[in-house]
Amino acid sequence: MKHIFKKGTDETKPTLLLLHGTGGTEQDLLPVADMIDSSCSILSVRGNVLENGMPRFFRRLQEGIFDIEDLIERTTELHQFLDEAAETYSFDRHNIVAVGYSNGANIAGSLLFHYENSLKGAALLHPMVPRRGVEVPKTDASIFIGAGTNDPICPASETEELSALLEKAGADVQVHWESFGHQLTRTEIEAAEKWYRSKF
């Protein structure tokens, strides 16, 4: 997978896994990672799927409707890539905190839904429920969910459902609401940074 790895100044800190939104690249969330913790190592990945020339992490049938078969396949691909990257770059595979926006948040959520202990934590910015009708593996991950009360893509009910499913699996979930739509805001990133500082 196309990616950037940047070694941090403090190897005891988590490695931040950056996962962009639709049409983004591995460069997009570097400033966000810097705001959250500039001393961390960073692994920023570009999605392998193209939708009208725009990179994504998995296919969708239409807005809000995921191609589940492709989601499962791409989640496995990312999971294996993380195992390989941890070996290549000598970071702790069990100390990864994902920072994902929109489509990137959905693939991070899918890792939590499909693989036990895949992430130590995650800041999911405007995520949806990746899958329904499956049992979420037990986890003690710390999760931050950034959501917009007027988000046309992720309605509030979607955020509440995702939060409840993760909590039921044992995750420590904090939801931060903004009275905006689907865009990423500075105050949301600041709230994610505060959450991160308190947990890691």
C-alpha atoms as a PDB file:
ATOM      1  CA  MET A   1       0.000   0.000   0.000  1.00  0.00           C
ATOM      2  CA  LYS A   2       1.298   3.475  -0.845  1.00  0.00           C
ATOM      3  CA  HIS A   3       2.253   5.167   2.417  1.00  0.00           C
ATOM      4  CA  ILE A   4       4.517   7.512   4.353  1.00  0.00           C
ATOM      5  CA  PHE A   5       6.349   6.444   7.511  1.00  0.00           C
ATOM      6  CA  LYS A   6       7.893   9.088   9.715  1.00  0.00           C
ATOM      7  CA  LYS A   7       9.801   7.990  12.815  1.00  0.00           C
ATOM      8  CA  GLY A   8       8.850   9.920  15.935  1.00  0.00           C
ATOM      9  CA  THR A   9      11.129  11.355  18.585  1.00  0.00           C
ATOM     10  CA  ASP A  10       9.489   9.292  21.354  1.00  0.00           C
ATOM     11  CA  GLU A  11       9.282   5.568  20.594  1.00  0.00           C
ATOM     12  CA  THR A  12       7.274   4.836  23.732  1.00  0.00           C
ATOM     13  CA  LYS A  13       4.346   6.744  22.209  1.00  0.00           C
ATOM     14  CA  PRO A  14       1.793   5.078  19.937  1.00  0.00           C
ATOM     15  CA  THR A  15       2.307   5.039  16.184  1.00  0.00           C
ATOM     16  CA  LEU A  16      -0.419   7.163  14.604  1.00  0.00           C
ATOM     17  CA  LEU A  17      -2.084   5.421  11.662  1.00  0.00           C
ATOM     18  CA  LEU A  18      -3.501   8.113   9.366  1.00  0.00           C
ATOM     19  CA  LEU A  19      -6.414   7.210   7.084  1.00  0.00           C
ATOM     20  CA  HIS A  20      -7.716   9.898   4.729  1.00  0.00           C
ATOM     21  CA  GLY A  21     -11.244  10.584   3.461  1.00  0.00           C
ATOM     22  CA  THR A  22     -12.536  10.005  -0.090  1.00  0.00           C
ATOM     23  CA  GLY A  23     -10.339  11.753  -2.645  1.00  0.00           C
ATOM     24  CA  GLY A  24      -7.576  12.335  -0.133  1.00  0.00           C
ATOM     25  CA  THR A  25      -3.989  11.114  -0.059  1.00  0.00           C
ATOM     26  CA  GLU A  26      -1.418  10.033   2.501  1.00  0.00           C
ATOM     27  CA  GLN A  27      -0.434  13.729   2.861  1.00  0.00           C
ATOM     28  CA  ASP A  28      -3.870  14.937   4.040  1.00  0.00           C
ATOM     29  CA  LEU A  29      -3.830  14.168   7.747  1.00  0.00           C
ATOM     30  CA  LEU A  30      -0.158  14.912   8.471  1.00  0.00           C
ATOM     31  CA  PRO A  31      -1.038  18.368   9.940  1.00  0.00           C
ATOM     32  CA  VAL A  32      -3.749  16.705  12.082  1.00  0.00           C
ATOM     33  CA  ALA A  33      -1.224  14.187  13.449  1.00  0.00           C
ATOM     34  CA  ASP A  34       1.118  17.069  14.228  1.00  0.00           C
ATOM     35  CA  MET A  35      -1.644  18.754  16.254  1.00  0.00           C
ATOM     36  CA  ILE A  36      -2.479  15.557  18.145  1.00  0.00           C
ATOM     37  CA  ASP A  37       1.102  14.553  19.035  1.00  0.00           C
ATOM     38  CA  SER A  38       4.131  15.756  17.091  1.00  0.00           C
ATOM     39  CA  SER A  39       6.472  13.333  18.914  1.00  0.00           C
ATOM     40  CA  CYS A  40       4.751  10.160  17.598  1.00  0.00           C
ATOM     41  CA  SER A  41       5.800   7.959  14.733  1.00  0.00           C
ATOM     42  CA  ILE A  42       3.367   8.270  11.814  1.00  0.00           C
ATOM     43  CA  LEU A  43       2.174   5.714   9.303  1.00  0.00           C
ATOM     44  CA  SER A  44      -0.025   7.436   6.738  1.00  0.00           C
ATOM     45  CA  VAL A  45      -1.663   5.172   4.146  1.00  0.00           C
ATOM     46  CA  ARG A  46      -3.322   5.842   0.812  1.00  0.00           C
ATOM     47  CA  GLY A  47      -6.443   3.842  -0.047  1.00  0.00           C
ATOM     48  CA  ASN A  48      -6.032   1.264  -2.821  1.00  0.00           C
ATOM     49  CA  VAL A  49      -9.454   1.781  -4.436  1.00  0.00           C
ATOM     50  CA  LEU A  50     -10.264   4.489  -6.988  1.00  0.00           C
ATOM     51  CA  GLU A  51     -13.757   5.970  -7.347  1.00  0.00           C
ATOM     52  CA  ASN A  52     -13.853   8.286 -10.381  1.00  0.00           C
ATOM     53  CA  GLY A  53     -10.120   8.798  -9.885  1.00  0.00           C
ATOM     54  CA  MET A  54     -10.476   9.522  -6.139  1.00  0.00           C
ATOM     55  CA  PRO A  55      -8.600   7.264  -3.682  1.00  0.00           C
ATOM     56  CA  ARG A  56     -10.721   5.364  -1.149  1.00  0.00           C
ATOM     57  CA  PHE A  57     -10.085   2.464   1.215  1.00  0.00           C
ATOM     58  CA  PHE A  58     -12.964   0.301  -0.091  1.00  0.00           C
ATOM     59  CA  ARG A  59     -15.710   0.433  -2.683  1.00  0.00           C
ATOM     60  CA  ARG A  60     -19.240   1.644  -2.091  1.00  0.00           C
ATOM     61  CA  LEU A  61     -22.367   0.927  -4.096  1.00  0.00           C
ATOM     62  CA  GLN A  62     -23.652   4.475  -3.534  1.00  0.00           C
ATOM     63  CA  GLU A  63     -23.209   7.153  -0.873  1.00  0.00           C
ATOM     64  CA  GLY A  64     -23.750   5.537   2.516  1.00  0.00           C
ATOM     65  CA  ILE A  65     -24.061   1.994   1.039  1.00  0.00           C
ATOM     66  CA  PHE A  66     -20.865  -0.035   1.405  1.00  0.00           C
ATOM     67  CA  ASP A  67     -19.723  -2.907  -0.803  1.00  0.00           C
ATOM     68  CA  ILE A  68     -19.403  -5.324   2.144  1.00  0.00           C
ATOM     69  CA  GLU A  69     -17.413  -7.959   0.257  1.00  0.00           C
ATOM     70  CA  ASP A  70     -14.844  -5.355  -0.770  1.00  0.00           C
ATOM     71  CA  LEU A  71     -14.846  -3.829   2.725  1.00  0.00           C
ATOM     72  CA  ILE A  72     -13.950  -7.216   4.248  1.00  0.00           C
ATOM     73  CA  GLU A  73     -11.217  -7.826   1.654  1.00  0.00           C
ATOM     74  CA  ARG A  74      -9.699  -4.337   2.058  1.00  0.00           C
ATOM     75  CA  THR A  75      -9.849  -4.552   5.864  1.00  0.00           C
ATOM     76  CA  THR A  76      -7.872  -7.810   5.705  1.00  0.00           C
ATOM     77  CA  GLU A  77      -5.397  -6.136   3.323  1.00  0.00           C
ATOM     78  CA  LEU A  78      -4.883  -3.192   5.711  1.00  0.00           C
ATOM     79  CA  HIS A  79      -4.608  -5.494   8.738  1.00  0.00           C
ATOM     80  CA  GLN A  80      -1.859  -7.517   7.013  1.00  0.00           C
ATOM     81  CA  PHE A  81      -0.136  -4.332   5.864  1.00  0.00           C
ATOM     82  CA  LEU A  82       0.034  -3.122   9.488  1.00  0.00           C
ATOM     83  CA  ASP A  83       1.670  -6.409  10.532  1.00  0.00           C
ATOM     84  CA  GLU A  84       4.260  -6.026   7.747  1.00  0.00           C
ATOM     85  CA  ALA A  85       4.855  -2.299   8.373  1.00  0.00           C
ATOM     86  CA  ALA A  86       5.465  -2.926  12.101  1.00  0.00           C
ATOM     87  CA  GLU A  87       8.192  -5.375  11.127  1.00  0.00           C
ATOM     88  CA  THR A  88       9.672  -3.181   8.373  1.00  0.00           C
ATOM     89  CA  TYR A  89       9.800  -0.014  10.479  1.00  0.00           C
ATOM     90  CA  SER A  90      10.313  -1.640  13.899  1.00  0.00           C
ATOM     91  CA  PHE A  91       7.350  -0.144  15.741  1.00  0.00           C
ATOM     92  CA  ASP A  92       5.092  -1.861  18.285  1.00  0.00           C
ATOM     93  CA  ARG A  93       2.202  -3.497  16.396  1.00  0.00           C
ATOM     94  CA  HIS A  94       0.145  -3.450  19.613  1.00  0.00           C
ATOM     95  CA  ASN A  95       0.567   0.282  20.101  1.00  0.00           C
ATOM     96  CA  ILE A  96      -1.222   1.787  17.079  1.00  0.00           C
ATOM     97  CA  VAL A  97      -3.767   4.595  17.354  1.00  0.00           C
ATOM     98  CA  ALA A  98      -5.702   5.261  14.153  1.00  0.00           C
ATOM     99  CA  VAL A  99      -6.779   8.747  13.114  1.00  0.00           C
ATOM    100  CA  GLY A 100      -9.315   8.373  10.326  1.00  0.00           C
ATOM    101  CA  TYR A 101     -11.605  10.830   8.591  1.00  0.00           C
ATOM    102  CA  SER A 102     -14.822   9.779   6.808  1.00  0.00           C
ATOM    103  CA  ASN A 103     -13.899   6.816   4.556  1.00  0.00           C
ATOM    104  CA  GLY A 104     -10.668   6.452   6.568  1.00  0.00           C
ATOM    105  CA  ALA A 105     -12.651   6.401   9.820  1.00  0.00           C
ATOM    106  CA  ASN A 106     -14.857   3.669   8.335  1.00  0.00           C
ATOM    107  CA  ILE A 107     -11.932   1.382   7.477  1.00  0.00           C
ATOM    108  CA  ALA A 108     -10.482   1.989  10.983  1.00  0.00           C
ATOM    109  CA  GLY A 109     -13.880   1.070  12.444  1.00  0.00           C
ATOM    110  CA  SER A 110     -13.882  -2.030  10.239  1.00  0.00           C
ATOM    111  CA  LEU A 111     -10.519  -3.109  11.719  1.00  0.00           C
ATOM    112  CA  LEU A 112     -12.124  -2.946  15.178  1.00  0.00           C
ATOM    113  CA  PHE A 113     -15.189  -4.872  13.918  1.00  0.00           C
ATOM    114  CA  HIS A 114     -13.159  -7.673  12.305  1.00  0.00           C
ATOM    115  CA  TYR A 115      -9.905  -8.108  14.253  1.00  0.00           C
ATOM    116  CA  GLU A 116      -9.361  -8.415  17.977  1.00  0.00           C
ATOM    117  CA  ASN A 117      -6.707  -6.020  19.319  1.00  0.00           C
ATOM    118  CA  SER A 118      -6.121  -4.542  15.853  1.00  0.00           C
ATOM    119  CA  LEU A 119      -5.855  -1.028  17.324  1.00  0.00           C
ATOM    120  CA  LYS A 120      -4.977   0.306  20.766  1.00  0.00           C
ATOM    121  CA  GLY A 121      -7.163   3.327  20.107  1.00  0.00           C
ATOM    122  CA  ALA A 122      -8.784   5.349  17.365  1.00  0.00           C
ATOM    123  CA  ALA A 123      -9.961   8.870  16.661  1.00  0.00           C
ATOM    124  CA  LEU A 124     -12.843   8.230  14.266  1.00  0.00           C
ATOM    125  CA  LEU A 125     -13.828  11.506  12.615  1.00  0.00           C
ATOM    126  CA  HIS A 126     -17.295  11.308  11.027  1.00  0.00           C
ATOM    127  CA  PRO A 127     -17.509   7.503  10.874  1.00  0.00           C
ATOM    128  CA  MET A 128     -20.440   5.259   9.991  1.00  0.00           C
ATOM    129  CA  VAL A 129     -21.255   1.762  11.276  1.00  0.00           C
ATOM    130  CA  PRO A 130     -18.994  -0.398   9.049  1.00  0.00           C
ATOM    131  CA  ARG A 131     -21.084  -3.577   9.325  1.00  0.00           C
ATOM    132  CA  ARG A 132     -24.297  -4.721  10.920  1.00  0.00           C
ATOM    133  CA  GLY A 133     -25.280  -8.162  12.129  1.00  0.00           C
ATOM    134  CA  VAL A 134     -21.774  -9.172  13.249  1.00  0.00           C
ATOM    135  CA  GLU A 135     -20.401  -9.536  16.746  1.00  0.00           C
ATOM    136  CA  VAL A 136     -17.703  -6.969  17.441  1.00  0.00           C
ATOM    137  CA  PRO A 137     -14.588  -8.635  18.933  1.00  0.00           C
ATOM    138  CA  LYS A 138     -13.882  -7.815  22.571  1.00  0.00           C
ATOM    139  CA  THR A 139     -11.670  -4.751  22.913  1.00  0.00           C
ATOM    140  CA  ASP A 140     -10.348  -2.384  25.556  1.00  0.00           C
ATOM    141  CA  ALA A 141      -9.457   0.251  22.969  1.00  0.00           C
ATOM    142  CA  SER A 142     -10.015   3.944  23.688  1.00  0.00           C
ATOM    143  CA  ILE A 143     -12.176   5.480  20.967  1.00  0.00           C
ATOM    144  CA  PHE A 144     -12.905   9.106  20.143  1.00  0.00           C
ATOM    145  CA  ILE A 145     -15.777   9.768  17.763  1.00  0.00           C
ATOM    146  CA  GLY A 146     -16.074  13.205  16.182  1.00  0.00           C
ATOM    147  CA  ALA A 147     -19.551  13.850  14.812  1.00  0.00           C
ATOM    148  CA  GLY A 148     -21.623  16.665  13.340  1.00  0.00           C
ATOM    149  CA  THR A 149     -25.207  17.252  14.429  1.00  0.00           C
ATOM    150  CA  ASN A 150     -26.001  18.389  10.877  1.00  0.00           C
ATOM    151  CA  ASP A 151     -23.891  15.789   9.074  1.00  0.00           C
ATOM    152  CA  PRO A 152     -25.846  14.766   5.935  1.00  0.00           C
ATOM    153  CA  ILE A 153     -23.679  11.647   5.404  1.00  0.00           C
ATOM    154  CA  CYS A 154     -23.515  10.380   9.004  1.00  0.00           C
ATOM    155  CA  PRO A 155     -26.770  11.136  10.843  1.00  0.00           C
ATOM    156  CA  ALA A 156     -26.633  11.354  14.641  1.00  0.00           C
ATOM    157  CA  SER A 157     -28.363   7.953  14.907  1.00  0.00           C
ATOM    158  CA  GLU A 158     -25.409   6.381  13.050  1.00  0.00           C
ATOM    159  CA  THR A 159     -22.936   7.862  15.550  1.00  0.00           C
ATOM    160  CA  GLU A 160     -25.032   6.676  18.510  1.00  0.00           C
ATOM    161  CA  GLU A 161     -25.335   3.158  17.079  1.00  0.00           C
ATOM    162  CA  LEU A 162     -21.586   2.890  16.431  1.00  0.00           C
ATOM    163  CA  SER A 163     -20.793   4.185  19.924  1.00  0.00           C
ATOM    164  CA  ALA A 164     -23.175   1.643  21.518  1.00  0.00           C
ATOM    165  CA  LEU A 165     -21.747  -1.285  19.501  1.00  0.00           C
ATOM    166  CA  LEU A 166     -18.162  -0.404  20.460  1.00  0.00           C
ATOM    167  CA  GLU A 167     -19.075   0.121  24.125  1.00  0.00           C
ATOM    168  CA  LYS A 168     -20.837  -3.249  24.186  1.00  0.00           C
ATOM    169  CA  ALA A 169     -17.566  -4.827  22.966  1.00  0.00           C
ATOM    170  CA  GLY A 170     -15.722  -3.201  25.901  1.00  0.00           C
ATOM    171  CA  ALA A 171     -14.277  -0.077  24.272  1.00  0.00           C
ATOM    172  CA  ASP A 172     -13.972   3.183  26.179  1.00  0.00           C
ATOM    173  CA  VAL A 173     -15.840   5.576  23.872  1.00  0.00           C
ATOM    174  CA  GLN A 174     -16.009   9.370  23.946  1.00  0.00           C
ATOM    175  CA  VAL A 175     -18.294  11.161  21.480  1.00  0.00           C
ATOM    176  CA  HIS A 176     -17.654  14.811  20.582  1.00  0.00           C
ATOM    177  CA  TRP A 177     -20.441  16.697  18.825  1.00  0.00           C
ATOM    178  CA  GLU A 178     -20.019  19.731  16.599  1.00  0.00           C
ATOM    179  CA  SER A 179     -22.966  21.675  15.204  1.00  0.00           C
ATOM    180  CA  PHE A 180     -21.617  21.366  11.661  1.00  0.00           C
ATOM    181  CA  GLY A 181     -21.876  18.955   8.739  1.00  0.00           C
ATOM    182  CA  HIS A 182     -19.386  16.384   7.468  1.00  0.00           C
ATOM    183  CA  GLN A 183     -16.339  18.678   7.370  1.00  0.00           C
ATOM    184  CA  LEU A 184     -13.411  18.350   9.722  1.00  0.00           C
ATOM    185  CA  THR A 185     -13.117  21.330  12.088  1.00  0.00           C
ATOM    186  CA  ARG A 186     -10.232  22.670  14.119  1.00  0.00           C
ATOM    187  CA  THR A 187     -12.246  22.420  17.363  1.00  0.00           C
ATOM    188  CA  GLU A 188     -12.928  18.740  16.620  1.00  0.00           C
ATOM    189  CA  ILE A 189      -9.191  18.076  16.169  1.00  0.00           C
ATOM    190  CA  GLU A 190      -8.485  19.994  19.398  1.00  0.00           C
ATOM    191  CA  ALA A 191     -11.044  17.802  21.203  1.00  0.00           C
ATOM    192  CA  ALA A 192      -9.356  14.696  19.721  1.00  0.00           C
ATOM    193  CA  GLU A 193      -5.963  15.969  20.925  1.00  0.00           C
ATOM    194  CA  LYS A 194      -7.364  16.462  24.445  1.00  0.00           C
ATOM    195  CA  TRP A 195      -8.837  12.936  24.393  1.00  0.00           C
ATOM    196  CA  TYR A 196      -5.520  11.517  23.158  1.00  0.00           C
ATOM    197  CA  ARG A 197      -3.520  13.291  25.897  1.00  0.00           C
ATOM    198  CA  SER A 198      -5.842  11.912  28.574  1.00  0.00           C
ATOM    199  CA  LYS A 199      -5.612   8.311  27.286  1.00  0.00           C
ATOM    200  CA  PHE A 200      -2.094   7.888  25.896  1.00  0.00           C
END
